[in-house]
Amino acid sequence: GQGQGQSQGQGNQQGNAPGGMPALPGGAGAGTVPGFGEGMRGGGGGGGMGGLLNGATVDAEAKALLTKGADDYTWVAAAVGAQNAASYQLATGDPVMAIGGFNGSDPSPTLAQFKKYVAEGKIHYFVSGSMGGGMGGGGMGGSGTSSQISSWVTENFTEVTVGSATFYDLTQPTS
């Protein structure tokens, strides 16, 4: 096997692309790996906004509602779970509070903290039904804080349905 590999597959021979692959006439395609490049476009993707790890799909009406007057608030909305909050934040480009951390089961913020933010006018809307897809209120032994917040909001604030989503306007108490 002496001398083996000296000139084999080096790509130096006429008519071969780098790596020893046969070149196409005129040198077209030389150096490309089959299956990569042009043919990789398309596919993937998905349906517009949403689809983010069970996150919410945000329609145009909801986006318009949340972005109107957005600069007046620290958070345009609050949603249970980071996936849902992220979907709304990406759709609007404005800050959305994630209640309960990643899946809605962390006690952050507490009900008392949330009430304080609402009293200070820092959050405009609460995203209703944002518990779908995740663990729900206090799943996996969580504190149930997000359930407490959801209950407090639904009992005390005005419901607003826009497109396929329901929100609660935290600036409009029911009583």
Foldseek 3Di string as FASTA:
>chain_A
DPPPPVPPQCQPDPQAARRRHGADPPRPPRPDDPPDDPVPPDDDDDDPFDPQQNEDRDDPFNLVQLQVVLVVAQASEEAEAPRNQVSNCVSNVHHYHHACYHQRQEPPPALVVVVVRLVVVHYFKYWPPRNPNGQRQNHPNGPSRSVVNNVVQVQWFDWDDTDPTIITGSVGTPD
